[in-house]
Amino acid sequence: MIARALVELTLACAALGGAGVSWLHARHTVRVAPVVDGQPFTSGLVYDPQQLLLTMVLMTAAGVLAVAGFTRLRRSLSRSQRRSQTV
């Protein structure tokens, strides 16, 4: 059971890393035309909705896997401590 918990925690870390990379690629800087003639161009951020969705899905998966992994690890460790105390 400890091995499965460690696999879940590893997958949670991988999903978190993937979410970070996806977030960095989700936004792009664009030039925005001036509102009034004679004003300079400004810059703005544009977000890619598909990348944002991927980021949210990966963050959700990372959270679920982290909670499941920590819970499984804690239960496994408490069971092994109870066994060692009874022996």
PDB file of N, CA and C in Angstrom:
ATOM      1  N   MET A   1       0.805  -1.206   0.000  1.00  0.00           N
ATOM      2  CA  MET A   1       0.000   0.000   0.000  1.00  0.00           C
ATOM      3  C   MET A   1       0.848   1.271   0.000  1.00  0.00           C
ATOM      4  N   ILE A   2       2.023   1.192   0.611  1.00  0.00           N
ATOM      5  CA  ILE A   2       2.886   2.369   0.635  1.00  0.00           C
ATOM      6  C   ILE A   2       3.369   2.692  -0.770  1.00  0.00           C
ATOM      7  N   ALA A   3       3.636   1.646  -1.561  1.00  0.00           N
ATOM      8  CA  ALA A   3       4.103   1.882  -2.936  1.00  0.00           C
ATOM      9  C   ALA A   3       3.034   2.593  -3.760  1.00  0.00           C
ATOM     10  N   ARG A   4       1.789   2.190  -3.584  1.00  0.00           N
ATOM     11  CA  ARG A   4       0.704   2.842  -4.329  1.00  0.00           C
ATOM     12  C   ARG A   4       0.551   4.300  -3.901  1.00  0.00           C
ATOM     13  N   ALA A   5       0.713   4.562  -2.619  1.00  0.00           N
ATOM     14  CA  ALA A   5       0.626   5.942  -2.128  1.00  0.00           C
ATOM     15  C   ALA A   5       1.741   6.788  -2.728  1.00  0.00           C
ATOM     16  N   LEU A   6       2.936   6.219  -2.815  1.00  0.00           N
ATOM     17  CA  LEU A   6       4.055   6.969  -3.389  1.00  0.00           C
ATOM     18  C   LEU A   6       3.857   7.207  -4.884  1.00  0.00           C
ATOM     19  N   VAL A   7       3.253   6.242  -5.574  1.00  0.00           N
ATOM     20  CA  VAL A   7       2.948   6.432  -6.997  1.00  0.00           C
ATOM     21  C   VAL A   7       1.932   7.553  -7.166  1.00  0.00           C
ATOM     22  N   GLU A   8       0.912   7.588  -6.315  1.00  0.00           N
ATOM     23  CA  GLU A   8      -0.095   8.658  -6.397  1.00  0.00           C
ATOM     24  C   GLU A   8       0.525  10.020  -6.110  1.00  0.00           C
ATOM     25  N   LEU A   9       1.414  10.084  -5.142  1.00  0.00           N
ATOM     26  CA  LEU A   9       2.067  11.356  -4.831  1.00  0.00           C
ATOM     27  C   LEU A   9       3.002  11.790  -5.954  1.00  0.00           C
ATOM     28  N   THR A  10       3.665  10.832  -6.589  1.00  0.00           N
ATOM     29  CA  THR A  10       4.523  11.155  -7.727  1.00  0.00           C
ATOM     30  C   THR A  10       3.701  11.680  -8.894  1.00  0.00           C
ATOM     31  N   LEU A  11       2.565  11.040  -9.151  1.00  0.00           N
ATOM     32  CA  LEU A  11       1.684  11.506 -10.222  1.00  0.00           C
ATOM     33  C   LEU A  11       1.113  12.886  -9.911  1.00  0.00           C
ATOM     34  N   ALA A  12       0.845  13.147  -8.641  1.00  0.00           N
ATOM     35  CA  ALA A  12       0.347  14.468  -8.245  1.00  0.00           C
ATOM     36  C   ALA A  12       1.405  15.537  -8.522  1.00  0.00           C
ATOM     37  N   CYS A  13       2.660  15.227  -8.225  1.00  0.00           N
ATOM     38  CA  CYS A  13       3.746  16.179  -8.509  1.00  0.00           C
ATOM     39  C   CYS A  13       3.909  16.394 -10.008  1.00  0.00           C
ATOM     40  N   ALA A  14       3.775  15.317 -10.783  1.00  0.00           N
ATOM     41  CA  ALA A  14       3.888  15.450 -12.240  1.00  0.00           C
ATOM     42  C   ALA A  14       2.744  16.296 -12.798  1.00  0.00           C
ATOM     43  N   ALA A  15       1.526  16.080 -12.286  1.00  0.00           N
ATOM     44  CA  ALA A  15       0.387  16.868 -12.743  1.00  0.00           C
ATOM     45  C   ALA A  15       0.549  18.330 -12.352  1.00  0.00           C
ATOM     46  N   LEU A  16       1.102  18.575 -11.185  1.00  0.00           N
ATOM     47  CA  LEU A  16       1.342  19.957 -10.756  1.00  0.00           C
ATOM     48  C   LEU A  16       2.374  20.634 -11.651  1.00  0.00           C
ATOM     49  N   GLY A  17       3.418  19.905 -11.998  1.00  0.00           N
ATOM     50  CA  GLY A  17       4.416  20.454 -12.917  1.00  0.00           C
ATOM     51  C   GLY A  17       3.830  20.723 -14.294  1.00  0.00           C
ATOM     52  N   GLY A  18       2.991  19.803 -14.775  1.00  0.00           N
ATOM     53  CA  GLY A  18       2.331  20.004 -16.065  1.00  0.00           C
ATOM     54  C   GLY A  18       1.394  21.193 -16.043  1.00  0.00           C
ATOM     55  N   ALA A  19       0.714  21.398 -14.921  1.00  0.00           N
ATOM     56  CA  ALA A  19      -0.166  22.560 -14.800  1.00  0.00           C
ATOM     57  C   ALA A  19       0.632  23.854 -14.835  1.00  0.00           C
ATOM     58  N   GLY A  20       1.807  23.853 -14.217  1.00  0.00           N
ATOM     59  CA  GLY A  20       2.652  25.041 -14.248  1.00  0.00           C
ATOM     60  C   GLY A  20       3.123  25.372 -15.658  1.00  0.00           C
ATOM     61  N   VAL A  21       3.533  24.359 -16.389  1.00  0.00           N
ATOM     62  CA  VAL A  21       3.967  24.568 -17.773  1.00  0.00           C
ATOM     63  C   VAL A  21       2.797  25.036 -18.631  1.00  0.00           C
ATOM     64  N   SER A  22       1.638  24.418 -18.426  1.00  0.00           N
ATOM     65  CA  SER A  22       0.455  24.811 -19.191  1.00  0.00           C
ATOM     66  C   SER A  22       0.060  26.258 -18.896  1.00  0.00           C
ATOM     67  N   TRP A  23       0.172  26.680 -17.637  1.00  0.00           N
ATOM     68  CA  TRP A  23      -0.169  28.054 -17.269  1.00  0.00           C
ATOM     69  C   TRP A  23       0.781  29.048 -17.931  1.00  0.00           C
ATOM     70  N   LEU A  24       2.052  28.679 -17.986  1.00  0.00           N
ATOM     71  CA  LEU A  24       3.016  29.581 -18.610  1.00  0.00           C
ATOM     72  C   LEU A  24       2.763  29.749 -20.108  1.00  0.00           C
ATOM     73  N   HIS A  25       2.203  28.726 -20.744  1.00  0.00           N
ATOM     74  CA  HIS A  25       1.929  28.791 -22.179  1.00  0.00           C
ATOM     75  C   HIS A  25       0.513  29.272 -22.491  1.00  0.00           C
ATOM     76  N   ALA A  26      -0.271  29.583 -21.476  1.00  0.00           N
ATOM     77  CA  ALA A  26      -1.668  29.959 -21.688  1.00  0.00           C
ATOM     78  C   ALA A  26      -1.838  31.437 -22.027  1.00  0.00           C
ATOM     79  N   ARG A  27      -0.861  32.260 -21.748  1.00  0.00           N
ATOM     80  CA  ARG A  27      -1.029  33.697 -21.974  1.00  0.00           C
ATOM     81  C   ARG A  27      -0.003  34.210 -22.971  1.00  0.00           C
ATOM     82  N   HIS A  28      -0.442  35.182 -23.740  1.00  0.00           N
ATOM     83  CA  HIS A  28       0.402  35.789 -24.762  1.00  0.00           C
ATOM     84  C   HIS A  28       0.204  37.300 -24.718  1.00  0.00           C
ATOM     85  N   THR A  29       1.263  38.030 -24.971  1.00  0.00           N
ATOM     86  CA  THR A  29       1.193  39.489 -25.010  1.00  0.00           C
ATOM     87  C   THR A  29       0.903  39.934 -26.440  1.00  0.00           C
ATOM     88  N   VAL A  30      -0.059  40.843 -26.579  1.00  0.00           N
ATOM     89  CA  VAL A  30      -0.416  41.375 -27.896  1.00  0.00           C
ATOM     90  C   VAL A  30      -0.377  42.902 -27.832  1.00  0.00           C
ATOM     91  N   ARG A  31      -0.233  43.513 -28.993  1.00  0.00           N
ATOM     92  CA  ARG A  31      -0.298  44.977 -29.078  1.00  0.00           C
ATOM     93  C   ARG A  31      -1.744  45.391 -29.266  1.00  0.00           C
ATOM     94  N   VAL A  32      -2.150  46.385 -28.498  1.00  0.00           N
ATOM     95  CA  VAL A  32      -3.520  46.892 -28.557  1.00  0.00           C
ATOM     96  C   VAL A  32      -3.486  48.268 -29.211  1.00  0.00           C
ATOM     97  N   ALA A  33      -4.387  48.461 -30.142  1.00  0.00           N
ATOM     98  CA  ALA A  33      -4.443  49.738 -30.861  1.00  0.00           C
ATOM     99  C   ALA A  33      -4.817  50.866 -29.902  1.00  0.00           C
ATOM    100  N   PRO A  34      -4.354  52.072 -30.187  1.00  0.00           N
ATOM    101  CA  PRO A  34      -4.684  53.202 -29.308  1.00  0.00           C
ATOM    102  C   PRO A  34      -6.174  53.542 -29.372  1.00  0.00           C
ATOM    103  N   VAL A  35      -6.680  54.045 -28.271  1.00  0.00           N
ATOM    104  CA  VAL A  35      -8.085  54.423 -28.193  1.00  0.00           C
ATOM    105  C   VAL A  35      -8.321  55.743 -28.922  1.00  0.00           C
ATOM    106  N   VAL A  36      -7.407  56.659 -28.772  1.00  0.00           N
ATOM    107  CA  VAL A  36      -7.514  57.987 -29.378  1.00  0.00           C
ATOM    108  C   VAL A  36      -6.327  58.171 -30.320  1.00  0.00           C
ATOM    109  N   ASP A  37      -6.559  58.854 -31.447  1.00  0.00           N
ATOM    110  CA  ASP A  37      -5.463  59.114 -32.378  1.00  0.00           C
ATOM    111  C   ASP A  37      -4.350  59.893 -31.692  1.00  0.00           C
ATOM    112  N   GLY A  38      -3.148  59.514 -32.008  1.00  0.00           N
ATOM    113  CA  GLY A  38      -1.995  60.196 -31.440  1.00  0.00           C
ATOM    114  C   GLY A  38      -1.472  59.535 -30.173  1.00  0.00           C
ATOM    115  N   GLN A  39      -2.194  58.608 -29.613  1.00  0.00           N
ATOM    116  CA  GLN A  39      -1.744  57.897 -28.421  1.00  0.00           C
ATOM    117  C   GLN A  39      -0.879  56.698 -28.836  1.00  0.00           C
ATOM    118  N   PRO A  40       0.023  56.264 -27.995  1.00  0.00           N
ATOM    119  CA  PRO A  40       0.872  55.120 -28.352  1.00  0.00           C
ATOM    120  C   PRO A  40       0.118  53.794 -28.226  1.00  0.00           C
ATOM    121  N   PHE A  41       0.650  52.788 -28.900  1.00  0.00           N
ATOM    122  CA  PHE A  41       0.104  51.444 -28.741  1.00  0.00           C
ATOM    123  C   PHE A  41       0.390  50.954 -27.322  1.00  0.00           C
ATOM    124  N   THR A  42      -0.479  50.145 -26.809  1.00  0.00           N
ATOM    125  CA  THR A  42      -0.267  49.530 -25.496  1.00  0.00           C
ATOM    126  C   THR A  42      -0.225  48.017 -25.677  1.00  0.00           C
ATOM    127  N   SER A  43       0.129  47.332 -24.638  1.00  0.00           N
ATOM    128  CA  SER A  43       0.154  45.870 -24.705  1.00  0.00           C
ATOM    129  C   SER A  43      -0.919  45.300 -23.789  1.00  0.00           C
ATOM    130  N   GLY A  44      -1.373  44.120 -24.130  1.00  0.00           N
ATOM    131  CA  GLY A  44      -2.391  43.442 -23.340  1.00  0.00           C
ATOM    132  C   GLY A  44      -2.113  41.948 -23.313  1.00  0.00           C
ATOM    133  N   LEU A  45      -2.750  41.269 -22.392  1.00  0.00           N
ATOM    134  CA  LEU A  45      -2.601  39.821 -22.285  1.00  0.00           C
ATOM    135  C   LEU A  45      -3.825  39.132 -22.870  1.00  0.00           C
ATOM    136  N   VAL A  46      -3.564  38.080 -23.636  1.00  0.00           N
ATOM    137  CA  VAL A  46      -4.632  37.257 -24.193  1.00  0.00           C
ATOM    138  C   VAL A  46      -4.426  35.845 -23.663  1.00  0.00           C
ATOM    139  N   TYR A  47      -5.482  35.254 -23.142  1.00  0.00           N
ATOM    140  CA  TYR A  47      -5.400  33.906 -22.589  1.00  0.00           C
ATOM    141  C   TYR A  47      -6.029  32.912 -23.551  1.00  0.00           C
ATOM    142  N   ASP A  48      -5.378  31.762 -23.721  1.00  0.00           N
ATOM    143  CA  ASP A  48      -5.893  30.691 -24.563  1.00  0.00           C
ATOM    144  C   ASP A  48      -6.828  29.827 -23.719  1.00  0.00           C
ATOM    145  N   PRO A  49      -8.121  29.744 -24.075  1.00  0.00           N
ATOM    146  CA  PRO A  49      -9.061  29.015 -23.232  1.00  0.00           C
ATOM    147  C   PRO A  49      -8.756  27.520 -23.120  1.00  0.00           C
ATOM    148  N   GLN A  50      -8.224  26.919 -24.158  1.00  0.00           N
ATOM    149  CA  GLN A  50      -7.914  25.490 -24.092  1.00  0.00           C
ATOM    150  C   GLN A  50      -6.759  25.225 -23.128  1.00  0.00           C
ATOM    151  N   GLN A  51      -5.775  26.104 -23.127  1.00  0.00           N
ATOM    152  CA  GLN A  51      -4.670  25.946 -22.187  1.00  0.00           C
ATOM    153  C   GLN A  51      -5.140  26.173 -20.747  1.00  0.00           C
ATOM    154  N   LEU A  52      -6.054  27.121 -20.551  1.00  0.00           N
ATOM    155  CA  LEU A  52      -6.594  27.348 -19.215  1.00  0.00           C
ATOM    156  C   LEU A  52      -7.385  26.137 -18.723  1.00  0.00           C
ATOM    157  N   LEU A  53      -8.143  25.524 -19.628  1.00  0.00           N
ATOM    158  CA  LEU A  53      -8.894  24.317 -19.263  1.00  0.00           C
ATOM    159  C   LEU A  53      -7.933  23.197 -18.889  1.00  0.00           C
ATOM    160  N   LEU A  54      -6.881  23.018 -19.678  1.00  0.00           N
ATOM    161  CA  LEU A  54      -5.886  21.998 -19.362  1.00  0.00           C
ATOM    162  C   LEU A  54      -5.239  22.269 -18.010  1.00  0.00           C
ATOM    163  N   THR A  55      -4.944  23.525 -17.728  1.00  0.00           N
ATOM    164  CA  THR A  55      -4.361  23.889 -16.440  1.00  0.00           C
ATOM    165  C   THR A  55      -5.295  23.531 -15.296  1.00  0.00           C
ATOM    166  N   MET A  56      -6.575  23.851 -15.437  1.00  0.00           N
ATOM    167  CA  MET A  56      -7.537  23.550 -14.367  1.00  0.00           C
ATOM    168  C   MET A  56      -7.714  22.051 -14.174  1.00  0.00           C
ATOM    169  N   VAL A  57      -7.744  21.291 -15.259  1.00  0.00           N
ATOM    170  CA  VAL A  57      -7.890  19.836 -15.145  1.00  0.00           C
ATOM    171  C   VAL A  57      -6.665  19.231 -14.463  1.00  0.00           C
ATOM    172  N   LEU A  58      -5.472  19.693 -14.851  1.00  0.00           N
ATOM    173  CA  LEU A  58      -4.258  19.169 -14.226  1.00  0.00           C
ATOM    174  C   LEU A  58      -4.165  19.552 -12.750  1.00  0.00           C
ATOM    175  N   MET A  59      -4.569  20.762 -12.405  1.00  0.00           N
ATOM    176  CA  MET A  59      -4.562  21.167 -10.999  1.00  0.00           C
ATOM    177  C   MET A  59      -5.553  20.349 -10.178  1.00  0.00           C
ATOM    178  N   THR A  60      -6.715  20.090 -10.754  1.00  0.00           N
ATOM    179  CA  THR A  60      -7.709  19.274 -10.060  1.00  0.00           C
ATOM    180  C   THR A  60      -7.189  17.857  -9.855  1.00  0.00           C
ATOM    181  N   ALA A  61      -6.604  17.279 -10.904  1.00  0.00           N
ATOM    182  CA  ALA A  61      -6.046  15.932 -10.794  1.00  0.00           C
ATOM    183  C   ALA A  61      -4.920  15.889  -9.766  1.00  0.00           C
ATOM    184  N   ALA A  62      -4.076  16.923  -9.746  1.00  0.00           N
ATOM    185  CA  ALA A  62      -2.988  16.968  -8.773  1.00  0.00           C
ATOM    186  C   ALA A  62      -3.534  17.024  -7.350  1.00  0.00           C
ATOM    187  N   GLY A  63      -4.573  17.799  -7.139  1.00  0.00           N
ATOM    188  CA  GLY A  63      -5.175  17.888  -5.806  1.00  0.00           C
ATOM    189  C   GLY A  63      -5.800  16.585  -5.358  1.00  0.00           C
ATOM    190  N   VAL A  64      -6.528  15.949  -6.246  1.00  0.00           N
ATOM    191  CA  VAL A  64      -7.175  14.677  -5.905  1.00  0.00           C
ATOM    192  C   VAL A  64      -6.119  13.613  -5.621  1.00  0.00           C
ATOM    193  N   LEU A  65      -5.107  13.529  -6.480  1.00  0.00           N
ATOM    194  CA  LEU A  65      -4.059  12.530  -6.271  1.00  0.00           C
ATOM    195  C   LEU A  65      -3.257  12.795  -5.001  1.00  0.00           C
ATOM    196  N   ALA A  66      -3.016  14.052  -4.687  1.00  0.00           N
ATOM    197  CA  ALA A  66      -2.273  14.381  -3.466  1.00  0.00           C
ATOM    198  C   ALA A  66      -3.061  13.983  -2.220  1.00  0.00           C
ATOM    199  N   VAL A  67      -4.339  14.300  -2.201  1.00  0.00           N
ATOM    200  CA  VAL A  67      -5.164  13.937  -1.043  1.00  0.00           C
ATOM    201  C   VAL A  67      -5.263  12.422  -0.908  1.00  0.00           C
ATOM    202  N   ALA A  68      -5.500  11.745  -2.023  1.00  0.00           N
ATOM    203  CA  ALA A  68      -5.600  10.281  -1.976  1.00  0.00           C
ATOM    204  C   ALA A  68      -4.277   9.656  -1.564  1.00  0.00           C
ATOM    205  N   GLY A  69      -3.177  10.172  -2.083  1.00  0.00           N
ATOM    206  CA  GLY A  69      -1.863   9.624  -1.741  1.00  0.00           C
ATOM    207  C   GLY A  69      -1.501   9.831  -0.283  1.00  0.00           C
ATOM    208  N   PHE A  70      -1.719  11.038   0.237  1.00  0.00           N
ATOM    209  CA  PHE A  70      -1.411  11.295   1.639  1.00  0.00           C
ATOM    210  C   PHE A  70      -2.307  10.473   2.564  1.00  0.00           C
ATOM    211  N   THR A  71      -3.570  10.349   2.204  1.00  0.00           N
ATOM    212  CA  THR A  71      -4.482   9.544   3.022  1.00  0.00           C
ATOM    213  C   THR A  71      -4.053   8.087   3.034  1.00  0.00           C
ATOM    214  N   ARG A  72      -3.739   7.556   1.861  1.00  0.00           N
ATOM    215  CA  ARG A  72      -3.311   6.163   1.772  1.00  0.00           C
ATOM    216  C   ARG A  72      -1.985   5.951   2.521  1.00  0.00           C
ATOM    217  N   LEU A  73      -1.065   6.881   2.397  1.00  0.00           N
ATOM    218  CA  LEU A  73       0.214   6.771   3.088  1.00  0.00           C
ATOM    219  C   LEU A  73       0.026   6.816   4.597  1.00  0.00           C
ATOM    220  N   ARG A  74      -0.815   7.716   5.059  1.00  0.00           N
ATOM    221  CA  ARG A  74      -1.051   7.834   6.497  1.00  0.00           C
ATOM    222  C   ARG A  74      -1.698   6.577   7.059  1.00  0.00           C
ATOM    223  N   ARG A  75      -2.680   6.037   6.321  1.00  0.00           N
ATOM    224  CA  ARG A  75      -3.326   4.802   6.785  1.00  0.00           C
ATOM    225  C   ARG A  75      -2.348   3.636   6.792  1.00  0.00           C
ATOM    226  N   SER A  76      -1.505   3.558   5.782  1.00  0.00           N
ATOM    227  CA  SER A  76      -0.528   2.465   5.711  1.00  0.00           C
ATOM    228  C   SER A  76       0.454   2.543   6.860  1.00  0.00           C
ATOM    229  N   LEU A  77       0.925   3.749   7.139  1.00  0.00           N
ATOM    230  CA  LEU A  77       1.889   3.902   8.226  1.00  0.00           C
ATOM    231  C   LEU A  77       1.261   3.625   9.587  1.00  0.00           C
ATOM    232  N   SER A  78       0.014   4.037   9.788  1.00  0.00           N
ATOM    233  CA  SER A  78      -0.629   3.778  11.082  1.00  0.00           C
ATOM    234  C   SER A  78      -0.904   2.286  11.251  1.00  0.00           C
ATOM    235  N   ARG A  79      -1.230   1.573  10.166  1.00  0.00           N
ATOM    236  CA  ARG A  79      -1.428   0.121  10.247  1.00  0.00           C
ATOM    237  C   ARG A  79      -0.129  -0.586  10.581  1.00  0.00           C
ATOM    238  N   SER A  80       0.962  -0.161   9.955  1.00  0.00           N
ATOM    239  CA  SER A  80       2.240  -0.813  10.232  1.00  0.00           C
ATOM    240  C   SER A  80       2.714  -0.528  11.658  1.00  0.00           C
ATOM    241  N   GLN A  81       2.391   0.648  12.186  1.00  0.00           N
ATOM    242  CA  GLN A  81       2.766   0.948  13.581  1.00  0.00           C
ATOM    243  C   GLN A  81       1.945   0.117  14.542  1.00  0.00           C
ATOM    244  N   ARG A  82       0.653  -0.079  14.230  1.00  0.00           N
ATOM    245  CA  ARG A  82      -0.189  -0.904  15.104  1.00  0.00           C
ATOM    246  C   ARG A  82       0.294  -2.351  15.098  1.00  0.00           C
ATOM    247  N   ARG A  83       0.707  -2.835  13.937  1.00  0.00           N
ATOM    248  CA  ARG A  83       1.205  -4.216  13.859  1.00  0.00           C
ATOM    249  C   ARG A  83       2.486  -4.375  14.661  1.00  0.00           C
ATOM    250  N   SER A  84       3.371  -3.401  14.584  1.00  0.00           N
ATOM    251  CA  SER A  84       4.644  -3.504  15.303  1.00  0.00           C
ATOM    252  C   SER A  84       4.437  -3.397  16.823  1.00  0.00           C
ATOM    253  N   GLN A  85       3.403  -2.703  17.270  1.00  0.00           N
ATOM    254  CA  GLN A  85       3.140  -2.585  18.688  1.00  0.00           C
ATOM    255  C   GLN A  85       2.525  -3.858  19.255  1.00  0.00           C
ATOM    256  N   THR A  86       1.754  -4.588  18.454  1.00  0.00           N
ATOM    257  CA  THR A  86       1.106  -5.794  18.941  1.00  0.00           C
ATOM    258  C   THR A  86       2.036  -6.992  18.941  1.00  0.00           C
ATOM    259  N   VAL A  87       3.119  -6.913  18.169  1.00  0.00           N
ATOM    260  CA  VAL A  87       4.048  -8.052  18.084  1.00  0.00           C
ATOM    261  C   VAL A  87       5.005  -8.074  19.212  1.00  0.00           C
TER     262      VAL A  87
END
